[in-house]
């Protein structure tokens, strides 16, 4: 039996969804133009009259916005409300450059909680379930987004935050954690420590994972390793935080809450819309936020719309395919274009290969080469890894096989990609 937090909103007919989006898009365009001269000037340059905007049918007339706009308008240049009405702020987790800031009013926090609450209940969480929140509570939106949503869904919250995996496991055992929220790579660390200490988490049934790309092979490893149903949650700082969508127990795509957001998929270079089913760049418009609604935000995420048809879970909101990578993370090596998630997908096809690996991009006089280091159980050879990568990627990178536990660990997001600049005296690695 499928569950809903807000059944009426989650099962709206396609006609009602589109009518609601049309109404809210007109309202948000007029609102932002009236509230902030930055928006008004952008609309003027694009030839858009905010008071007579035609809604959904004219959405492509609206200008895109990007992460660069957030940085240029730092800290609150895009904000549409007085500063003394703000209740909370979060910002991007990047450690370099001008940060991306998302302010929220009390109304926005309720909107965020509603979206996240829907995700918890869609995954099967029930009122009173113990929910362990492992993302950090700080400027990164993950911990607080999970917290606001868990309160909305009526869950018993164990707000551990990041790190101290031994304590995480003990608390999960002591309090009977049924729902755990985590970045994808941290769940691997939990699995690893459980295996090393011969422990289990018998009450854990639901895992909600985000903040990093989530390949199908990694999802299988986590589902099997923790004995749970694993869910792929989507969201970002610029759209108001984690929870704008997630897959349901049918696992046939990420439902996006279309009463709150409009999703487009466009050609990354031209900005022109692409048909449903084709890959492109995901563009998000937030329809129901007050402090800083984004209009046609180019996410740099590569994805596609799978379907707008009603799901077996009863929800009618469109479904996105799993995000297959960030377009600004695409690698070009030996004339081959690919994404880091494709490397992960390929590696985890090999029995005995563990989910801890490094992608090292080496640059010698402008010529790039790829090196992949991976942990594996005894019996896995460099030839096996090279053969699989050659089959999937079309070329053979160098690399080493490491014993379990030898590569560095992280208590938060895993660092997968490293860059090295080589001179003519640098040694060249070989695959063991």
Foldseek 3Di string as FASTA:
>chain_A
DFFFLDQCLQQPDPVVLQVLQQVLVLVVLLQQLVQAVVSVVQCVVLVHDSNPHRGPVCQLSHDADEQVVQQVCPPQNQWRDDPVQWDDKAWDPDDDHRIRIDTAGPQLLLVLLNLLLRVCRLQPDAAAAEEEEAAADDRAQRLVSNVSNCVSRNYRYDDPYFDPLVVVQVCLQVVLHQEYEAALQLLLVNLVVCVVVVHARVSHAEYEYEPDFQAPLSLVCSCVSRVYNYKYWDDHNQQSHIRQWIDGSVPPFIFGSSSFKDKFFAAPPPRHGDDAPDKHWIFIFGRRGHTHTGRRYGPQFIWGWNDQPQDPSSGRGTGIDRGQAGNVQWDAAPNFTDHPSLLQVLQSVDPFWGNDKAWEWEAEPNHTAIEMETEGDPPDFLVNSQVSCCVRGVHGGFYEYDHPPPDDDDRHDDHHYHYYYDYPPDDDGHYD
